[in-house]
Amino acid sequence: MGQLQLKAELRKAGISDYSIYLDKKTYTLFAFQYLADDATDAELPQLPVVKKWWHRMKDLMETNADESPVTDPLEEMFHMD
């Protein structure tokens, strides 16, 4: 899998500081990323490298019919710099 290509596309789209965490008690994956104000991340789902990543990860996370990850918006409750 082209992880370097995937990282390059994520950076190009304005994504930085991207992490995926695993809650070992519930086997829940949680992702966190920063988006630039001018991010173009809406175009990422069309890229073959992103679709390959989704396919590879589909057994590890809840997915939609197109294998994209199910996402739920979160409300920030606390932040400290």
PDB file of N, CA and C in Angstrom:
ATOM      1  N   MET A   1       0.859  -1.179   0.000  1.00  0.00           N
ATOM      2  CA  MET A   1       0.000   0.000   0.000  1.00  0.00           C
ATOM      3  C   MET A   1       0.885   1.216   0.000  1.00  0.00           C
ATOM      4  N   GLY A   2       0.535   2.230  -0.757  1.00  0.00           N
ATOM      5  CA  GLY A   2       1.356   3.413  -0.889  1.00  0.00           C
ATOM      6  C   GLY A   2       1.136   4.412   0.229  1.00  0.00           C
ATOM      7  N   GLN A   3       1.638   4.089   1.438  1.00  0.00           N
ATOM      8  CA  GLN A   3       1.439   4.989   2.573  1.00  0.00           C
ATOM      9  C   GLN A   3       2.082   6.347   2.333  1.00  0.00           C
ATOM     10  N   LEU A   4       3.230   6.374   1.658  1.00  0.00           N
ATOM     11  CA  LEU A   4       3.870   7.658   1.369  1.00  0.00           C
ATOM     12  C   LEU A   4       3.000   8.479   0.431  1.00  0.00           C
ATOM     13  N   GLN A   5       2.409   7.826  -0.560  1.00  0.00           N
ATOM     14  CA  GLN A   5       1.515   8.521  -1.486  1.00  0.00           C
ATOM     15  C   GLN A   5       0.275   9.030  -0.745  1.00  0.00           C
ATOM     16  N   LEU A   6      -0.275   8.209   0.133  1.00  0.00           N
ATOM     17  CA  LEU A   6      -1.442   8.609   0.908  1.00  0.00           C
ATOM     18  C   LEU A   6      -1.112   9.818   1.775  1.00  0.00           C
ATOM     19  N   LYS A   7       0.007   9.781   2.474  1.00  0.00           N
ATOM     20  CA  LYS A   7       0.420  10.911   3.311  1.00  0.00           C
ATOM     21  C   LYS A   7       0.604  12.169   2.482  1.00  0.00           C
ATOM     22  N   ALA A   8       1.199  12.041   1.314  1.00  0.00           N
ATOM     23  CA  ALA A   8       1.415  13.197   0.434  1.00  0.00           C
ATOM     24  C   ALA A   8       0.082  13.806   0.010  1.00  0.00           C
ATOM     25  N   GLU A   9      -0.889  12.964  -0.332  1.00  0.00           N
ATOM     26  CA  GLU A   9      -2.200  13.469  -0.752  1.00  0.00           C
ATOM     27  C   GLU A   9      -2.933  14.140   0.414  1.00  0.00           C
ATOM     28  N   LEU A  10      -2.810  13.571   1.605  1.00  0.00           N
ATOM     29  CA  LEU A  10      -3.431  14.177   2.782  1.00  0.00           C
ATOM     30  C   LEU A  10      -2.831  15.555   3.052  1.00  0.00           C
ATOM     31  N   ARG A  11      -1.513  15.652   2.992  1.00  0.00           N
ATOM     32  CA  ARG A  11      -0.853  16.952   3.205  1.00  0.00           C
ATOM     33  C   ARG A  11      -1.266  17.959   2.140  1.00  0.00           C
ATOM     34  N   LYS A  12      -1.299  17.507   0.887  1.00  0.00           N
ATOM     35  CA  LYS A  12      -1.669  18.378  -0.227  1.00  0.00           C
ATOM     36  C   LYS A  12      -3.097  18.906  -0.048  1.00  0.00           C
ATOM     37  N   ALA A  13      -3.960  18.114   0.557  1.00  0.00           N
ATOM     38  CA  ALA A  13      -5.347  18.499   0.776  1.00  0.00           C
ATOM     39  C   ALA A  13      -5.518  19.412   1.993  1.00  0.00           C
ATOM     40  N   GLY A  14      -4.434  19.692   2.709  1.00  0.00           N
ATOM     41  CA  GLY A  14      -4.514  20.592   3.858  1.00  0.00           C
ATOM     42  C   GLY A  14      -4.695  19.895   5.189  1.00  0.00           C
ATOM     43  N   ILE A  15      -4.402  18.600   5.244  1.00  0.00           N
ATOM     44  CA  ILE A  15      -4.529  17.841   6.488  1.00  0.00           C
ATOM     45  C   ILE A  15      -3.147  17.704   7.122  1.00  0.00           C
ATOM     46  N   SER A  16      -3.079  17.955   8.429  1.00  0.00           N
ATOM     47  CA  SER A  16      -1.821  17.772   9.158  1.00  0.00           C
ATOM     48  C   SER A  16      -2.129  17.164  10.522  1.00  0.00           C
ATOM     49  N   ASP A  17      -1.109  16.730  11.173  1.00  0.00           N
ATOM     50  CA  ASP A  17      -1.226  16.165  12.516  1.00  0.00           C
ATOM     51  C   ASP A  17      -2.387  15.175  12.592  1.00  0.00           C
ATOM     52  N   TYR A  18      -2.336  14.160  11.746  1.00  0.00           N
ATOM     53  CA  TYR A  18      -3.396  13.160  11.624  1.00  0.00           C
ATOM     54  C   TYR A  18      -3.001  11.925  12.421  1.00  0.00           C
ATOM     55  N   SER A  19      -3.846  11.530  13.345  1.00  0.00           N
ATOM     56  CA  SER A  19      -3.591  10.351  14.168  1.00  0.00           C
ATOM     57  C   SER A  19      -4.844   9.499  14.217  1.00  0.00           C
ATOM     58  N   ILE A  20      -4.650   8.187  14.314  1.00  0.00           N
ATOM     59  CA  ILE A  20      -5.747   7.250  14.524  1.00  0.00           C
ATOM     60  C   ILE A  20      -5.439   6.505  15.815  1.00  0.00           C
ATOM     61  N   TYR A  21      -6.388   6.521  16.717  1.00  0.00           N
ATOM     62  CA  TYR A  21      -6.225   5.870  18.021  1.00  0.00           C
ATOM     63  C   TYR A  21      -7.131   4.650  18.103  1.00  0.00           C
ATOM     64  N   LEU A  22      -6.733   3.684  18.909  1.00  0.00           N
ATOM     65  CA  LEU A  22      -7.526   2.487  19.160  1.00  0.00           C
ATOM     66  C   LEU A  22      -7.855   2.403  20.639  1.00  0.00           C
ATOM     67  N   ASP A  23      -9.140   2.294  20.950  1.00  0.00           N
ATOM     68  CA  ASP A  23      -9.582   2.005  22.305  1.00  0.00           C
ATOM     69  C   ASP A  23      -9.609   0.490  22.421  1.00  0.00           C
ATOM     70  N   LYS A  24      -8.645  -0.084  23.121  1.00  0.00           N
ATOM     71  CA  LYS A  24      -8.519  -1.542  23.190  1.00  0.00           C
ATOM     72  C   LYS A  24      -9.672  -2.213  23.938  1.00  0.00           C
ATOM     73  N   LYS A  25     -10.361  -1.465  24.790  1.00  0.00           N
ATOM     74  CA  LYS A  25     -11.483  -2.051  25.518  1.00  0.00           C
ATOM     75  C   LYS A  25     -12.687  -2.263  24.607  1.00  0.00           C
ATOM     76  N   THR A  26     -12.909  -1.342  23.685  1.00  0.00           N
ATOM     77  CA  THR A  26     -14.095  -1.431  22.822  1.00  0.00           C
ATOM     78  C   THR A  26     -13.730  -1.732  21.372  1.00  0.00           C
ATOM     79  N   TYR A  27     -12.449  -1.771  21.080  1.00  0.00           N
ATOM     80  CA  TYR A  27     -11.963  -1.939  19.703  1.00  0.00           C
ATOM     81  C   TYR A  27     -12.543  -0.868  18.773  1.00  0.00           C
ATOM     82  N   THR A  28     -12.642   0.332  19.313  1.00  0.00           N
ATOM     83  CA  THR A  28     -13.129   1.478  18.553  1.00  0.00           C
ATOM     84  C   THR A  28     -11.945   2.288  18.057  1.00  0.00           C
ATOM     85  N   LEU A  29     -11.981   2.634  16.768  1.00  0.00           N
ATOM     86  CA  LEU A  29     -10.968   3.519  16.213  1.00  0.00           C
ATOM     87  C   LEU A  29     -11.476   4.954  16.297  1.00  0.00           C
ATOM     88  N   PHE A  30     -10.566   5.857  16.619  1.00  0.00           N
ATOM     89  CA  PHE A  30     -10.885   7.276  16.709  1.00  0.00           C
ATOM     90  C   PHE A  30      -9.791   8.029  15.969  1.00  0.00           C
ATOM     91  N   ALA A  31     -10.179   8.853  15.007  1.00  0.00           N
ATOM     92  CA  ALA A  31      -9.203   9.616  14.225  1.00  0.00           C
ATOM     93  C   ALA A  31      -9.311  11.091  14.568  1.00  0.00           C
ATOM     94  N   PHE A  32      -8.167  11.763  14.515  1.00  0.00           N
ATOM     95  CA  PHE A  32      -8.091  13.187  14.804  1.00  0.00           C
ATOM     96  C   PHE A  32      -7.161  13.811  13.786  1.00  0.00           C
ATOM     97  N   GLN A  33      -7.571  14.938  13.215  1.00  0.00           N
ATOM     98  CA  GLN A  33      -6.720  15.617  12.233  1.00  0.00           C
ATOM     99  C   GLN A  33      -6.981  17.114  12.273  1.00  0.00           C
ATOM    100  N   TYR A  34      -5.972  17.869  11.899  1.00  0.00           N
ATOM    101  CA  TYR A  34      -6.124  19.307  11.732  1.00  0.00           C
ATOM    102  C   TYR A  34      -6.342  19.591  10.257  1.00  0.00           C
ATOM    103  N   LEU A  35      -7.270  20.503   9.964  1.00  0.00           N
ATOM    104  CA  LEU A  35      -7.531  20.925   8.595  1.00  0.00           C
ATOM    105  C   LEU A  35      -7.151  22.390   8.443  1.00  0.00           C
ATOM    106  N   ALA A  36      -6.428  22.703   7.385  1.00  0.00           N
ATOM    107  CA  ALA A  36      -6.098  24.087   7.075  1.00  0.00           C
ATOM    108  C   ALA A  36      -7.381  24.818   6.678  1.00  0.00           C
ATOM    109  N   ASP A  37      -7.380  26.133   6.823  1.00  0.00           N
ATOM    110  CA  ASP A  37      -8.559  26.922   6.451  1.00  0.00           C
ATOM    111  C   ASP A  37      -8.928  26.731   4.983  1.00  0.00           C
ATOM    112  N   ASP A  38      -7.921  26.510   4.136  1.00  0.00           N
ATOM    113  CA  ASP A  38      -8.167  26.334   2.707  1.00  0.00           C
ATOM    114  C   ASP A  38      -8.073  24.861   2.289  1.00  0.00           C
ATOM    115  N   ALA A  39      -8.408  23.955   3.199  1.00  0.00           N
ATOM    116  CA  ALA A  39      -8.299  22.516   2.940  1.00  0.00           C
ATOM    117  C   ALA A  39      -9.177  22.108   1.763  1.00  0.00           C
ATOM    118  N   THR A  40      -8.678  21.143   1.001  1.00  0.00           N
ATOM    119  CA  THR A  40      -9.417  20.594  -0.140  1.00  0.00           C
ATOM    120  C   THR A  40      -9.709  19.113   0.087  1.00  0.00           C
ATOM    121  N   ASP A  41      -9.960  18.750   1.330  1.00  0.00           N
ATOM    122  CA  ASP A  41     -10.153  17.341   1.682  1.00  0.00           C
ATOM    123  C   ASP A  41     -11.405  16.720   1.080  1.00  0.00           C
ATOM    124  N   ALA A  42     -12.338  17.512   0.607  1.00  0.00           N
ATOM    125  CA  ALA A  42     -13.548  16.964  -0.008  1.00  0.00           C
ATOM    126  C   ALA A  42     -13.223  16.183  -1.279  1.00  0.00           C
ATOM    127  N   GLU A  43     -12.076  16.453  -1.874  1.00  0.00           N
ATOM    128  CA  GLU A  43     -11.677  15.758  -3.100  1.00  0.00           C
ATOM    129  C   GLU A  43     -11.004  14.407  -2.821  1.00  0.00           C
ATOM    130  N   LEU A  44     -10.579  14.166  -1.607  1.00  0.00           N
ATOM    131  CA  LEU A  44      -9.841  12.945  -1.267  1.00  0.00           C
ATOM    132  C   LEU A  44     -10.598  11.648  -1.574  1.00  0.00           C
ATOM    133  N   PRO A  45     -11.899  11.552  -1.312  1.00  0.00           N
ATOM    134  CA  PRO A  45     -12.592  10.276  -1.553  1.00  0.00           C
ATOM    135  C   PRO A  45     -12.530   9.784  -2.997  1.00  0.00           C
ATOM    136  N   GLN A  46     -12.209  10.648  -3.936  1.00  0.00           N
ATOM    137  CA  GLN A  46     -12.133  10.252  -5.341  1.00  0.00           C
ATOM    138  C   GLN A  46     -10.781   9.647  -5.706  1.00  0.00           C
ATOM    139  N   LEU A  47      -9.773   9.788  -4.854  1.00  0.00           N
ATOM    140  CA  LEU A  47      -8.423   9.329  -5.173  1.00  0.00           C
ATOM    141  C   LEU A  47      -8.275   7.823  -4.991  1.00  0.00           C
ATOM    142  N   PRO A  48      -7.657   7.142  -5.952  1.00  0.00           N
ATOM    143  CA  PRO A  48      -7.458   5.691  -5.843  1.00  0.00           C
ATOM    144  C   PRO A  48      -6.709   5.281  -4.575  1.00  0.00           C
ATOM    145  N   VAL A  49      -5.722   6.046  -4.147  1.00  0.00           N
ATOM    146  CA  VAL A  49      -4.954   5.668  -2.954  1.00  0.00           C
ATOM    147  C   VAL A  49      -5.832   5.723  -1.696  1.00  0.00           C
ATOM    148  N   VAL A  50      -6.774   6.644  -1.652  1.00  0.00           N
ATOM    149  CA  VAL A  50      -7.691   6.727  -0.512  1.00  0.00           C
ATOM    150  C   VAL A  50      -8.651   5.539  -0.536  1.00  0.00           C
ATOM    151  N   LYS A  51      -9.151   5.199  -1.714  1.00  0.00           N
ATOM    152  CA  LYS A  51     -10.049   4.046  -1.831  1.00  0.00           C
ATOM    153  C   LYS A  51      -9.338   2.744  -1.440  1.00  0.00           C
ATOM    154  N   LYS A  52      -8.055   2.629  -1.797  1.00  0.00           N
ATOM    155  CA  LYS A  52      -7.272   1.451  -1.385  1.00  0.00           C
ATOM    156  C   LYS A  52      -7.145   1.396   0.131  1.00  0.00           C
ATOM    157  N   TRP A  53      -6.913   2.549   0.756  1.00  0.00           N
ATOM    158  CA  TRP A  53      -6.797   2.614   2.220  1.00  0.00           C
ATOM    159  C   TRP A  53      -8.106   2.180   2.865  1.00  0.00           C
ATOM    160  N   TRP A  54      -9.225   2.699   2.359  1.00  0.00           N
ATOM    161  CA  TRP A  54     -10.524   2.314   2.907  1.00  0.00           C
ATOM    162  C   TRP A  54     -10.733   0.816   2.783  1.00  0.00           C
ATOM    163  N   HIS A  55     -10.391   0.264   1.633  1.00  0.00           N
ATOM    164  CA  HIS A  55     -10.567  -1.173   1.419  1.00  0.00           C
ATOM    165  C   HIS A  55      -9.721  -1.975   2.412  1.00  0.00           C
ATOM    166  N   ARG A  56      -8.508  -1.515   2.624  1.00  0.00           N
ATOM    167  CA  ARG A  56      -7.609  -2.211   3.552  1.00  0.00           C
ATOM    168  C   ARG A  56      -8.119  -2.137   4.991  1.00  0.00           C
ATOM    169  N   MET A  57      -8.757  -1.035   5.339  1.00  0.00           N
ATOM    170  CA  MET A  57      -9.184  -0.808   6.722  1.00  0.00           C
ATOM    171  C   MET A  57     -10.620  -1.265   7.010  1.00  0.00           C
ATOM    172  N   LYS A  58     -11.365  -1.690   5.985  1.00  0.00           N
ATOM    173  CA  LYS A  58     -12.795  -1.956   6.158  1.00  0.00           C
ATOM    174  C   LYS A  58     -13.113  -3.007   7.221  1.00  0.00           C
ATOM    175  N   ASP A  59     -12.223  -3.952   7.458  1.00  0.00           N
ATOM    176  CA  ASP A  59     -12.476  -4.974   8.482  1.00  0.00           C
ATOM    177  C   ASP A  59     -12.178  -4.471   9.891  1.00  0.00           C
ATOM    178  N   LEU A  60     -11.552  -3.289   9.980  1.00  0.00           N
ATOM    179  CA  LEU A  60     -11.165  -2.748  11.280  1.00  0.00           C
ATOM    180  C   LEU A  60     -12.048  -1.605  11.752  1.00  0.00           C
ATOM    181  N   MET A  61     -12.928  -1.126  10.856  1.00  0.00           N
ATOM    182  CA  MET A  61     -13.742   0.023  11.226  1.00  0.00           C
ATOM    183  C   MET A  61     -15.119  -0.084  10.578  1.00  0.00           C
ATOM    184  N   GLU A  62     -16.053   0.630  11.151  1.00  0.00           N
ATOM    185  CA  GLU A  62     -17.401   0.685  10.588  1.00  0.00           C
ATOM    186  C   GLU A  62     -17.335   1.499   9.292  1.00  0.00           C
ATOM    187  N   THR A  63     -17.933   0.960   8.224  1.00  0.00           N
ATOM    188  CA  THR A  63     -17.861   1.628   6.933  1.00  0.00           C
ATOM    189  C   THR A  63     -19.231   1.782   6.289  1.00  0.00           C
ATOM    190  N   ASN A  64     -19.290   2.691   5.335  1.00  0.00           N
ATOM    191  CA  ASN A  64     -20.470   2.884   4.492  1.00  0.00           C
ATOM    192  C   ASN A  64     -20.405   1.882   3.345  1.00  0.00           C
ATOM    193  N   ALA A  65     -21.421   1.871   2.495  1.00  0.00           N
ATOM    194  CA  ALA A  65     -21.481   0.929   1.371  1.00  0.00           C
ATOM    195  C   ALA A  65     -20.290   1.077   0.417  1.00  0.00           C
ATOM    196  N   ASP A  66     -19.743   2.283   0.297  1.00  0.00           N
ATOM    197  CA  ASP A  66     -18.598   2.503  -0.596  1.00  0.00           C
ATOM    198  C   ASP A  66     -17.253   2.268   0.104  1.00  0.00           C
ATOM    199  N   GLU A  67     -17.284   1.691   1.299  1.00  0.00           N
ATOM    200  CA  GLU A  67     -16.119   1.385   2.144  1.00  0.00           C
ATOM    201  C   GLU A  67     -15.518   2.615   2.797  1.00  0.00           C
ATOM    202  N   SER A  68     -16.123   3.782   2.619  1.00  0.00           N
ATOM    203  CA  SER A  68     -15.637   4.971   3.328  1.00  0.00           C
ATOM    204  C   SER A  68     -15.972   4.825   4.810  1.00  0.00           C
ATOM    205  N   PRO A  69     -15.154   5.393   5.673  1.00  0.00           N
ATOM    206  CA  PRO A  69     -15.432   5.262   7.103  1.00  0.00           C
ATOM    207  C   PRO A  69     -16.687   6.014   7.519  1.00  0.00           C
ATOM    208  N   VAL A  70     -17.429   5.426   8.429  1.00  0.00           N
ATOM    209  CA  VAL A  70     -18.563   6.115   9.025  1.00  0.00           C
ATOM    210  C   VAL A  70     -17.986   7.190   9.934  1.00  0.00           C
ATOM    211  N   THR A  71     -18.486   8.399   9.787  1.00  0.00           N
ATOM    212  CA  THR A  71     -18.002   9.501  10.618  1.00  0.00           C
ATOM    213  C   THR A  71     -19.171  10.140  11.343  1.00  0.00           C
ATOM    214  N   ASP A  72     -18.913  10.595  12.533  1.00  0.00           N
ATOM    215  CA  ASP A  72     -19.893  11.310  13.336  1.00  0.00           C
ATOM    216  C   ASP A  72     -19.258  12.616  13.787  1.00  0.00           C
ATOM    217  N   PRO A  73     -19.945  13.737  13.586  1.00  0.00           N
ATOM    218  CA  PRO A  73     -19.384  15.008  14.042  1.00  0.00           C
ATOM    219  C   PRO A  73     -19.323  15.031  15.565  1.00  0.00           C
ATOM    220  N   LEU A  74     -18.284  15.624  16.073  1.00  0.00           N
ATOM    221  CA  LEU A  74     -18.100  15.743  17.520  1.00  0.00           C
ATOM    222  C   LEU A  74     -18.101  17.217  17.914  1.00  0.00           C
ATOM    223  N   GLU A  75     -18.636  17.502  19.062  1.00  0.00           N
ATOM    224  CA  GLU A  75     -18.618  18.856  19.588  1.00  0.00           C
ATOM    225  C   GLU A  75     -17.481  18.958  20.596  1.00  0.00           C
ATOM    226  N   GLU A  76     -16.590  19.917  20.373  1.00  0.00           N
ATOM    227  CA  GLU A  76     -15.492  20.097  21.311  1.00  0.00           C
ATOM    228  C   GLU A  76     -16.031  20.577  22.648  1.00  0.00           C
ATOM    229  N   MET A  77     -15.666  19.887  23.699  1.00  0.00           N
ATOM    230  CA  MET A  77     -16.142  20.225  25.043  1.00  0.00           C
ATOM    231  C   MET A  77     -15.069  20.902  25.878  1.00  0.00           C
ATOM    232  N   PHE A  78     -13.810  20.722  25.495  1.00  0.00           N
ATOM    233  CA  PHE A  78     -12.700  21.327  26.228  1.00  0.00           C
ATOM    234  C   PHE A  78     -11.486  21.334  25.319  1.00  0.00           C
ATOM    235  N   HIS A  79     -10.726  22.414  25.397  1.00  0.00           N
ATOM    236  CA  HIS A  79      -9.469  22.515  24.637  1.00  0.00           C
ATOM    237  C   HIS A  79      -8.461  23.311  25.451  1.00  0.00           C
ATOM    238  N   MET A  80      -7.246  22.857  25.463  1.00  0.00           N
ATOM    239  CA  MET A  80      -6.169  23.577  26.143  1.00  0.00           C
ATOM    240  C   MET A  80      -4.968  23.615  25.239  1.00  0.00           C
ATOM    241  N   ASP A  81      -4.428  24.796  24.954  1.00  0.00           N
ATOM    242  CA  ASP A  81      -3.186  24.927  24.185  1.00  0.00           C
ATOM    243  C   ASP A  81      -1.991  24.725  25.088  1.00  0.00           C
TER     244      ASP A  81
END
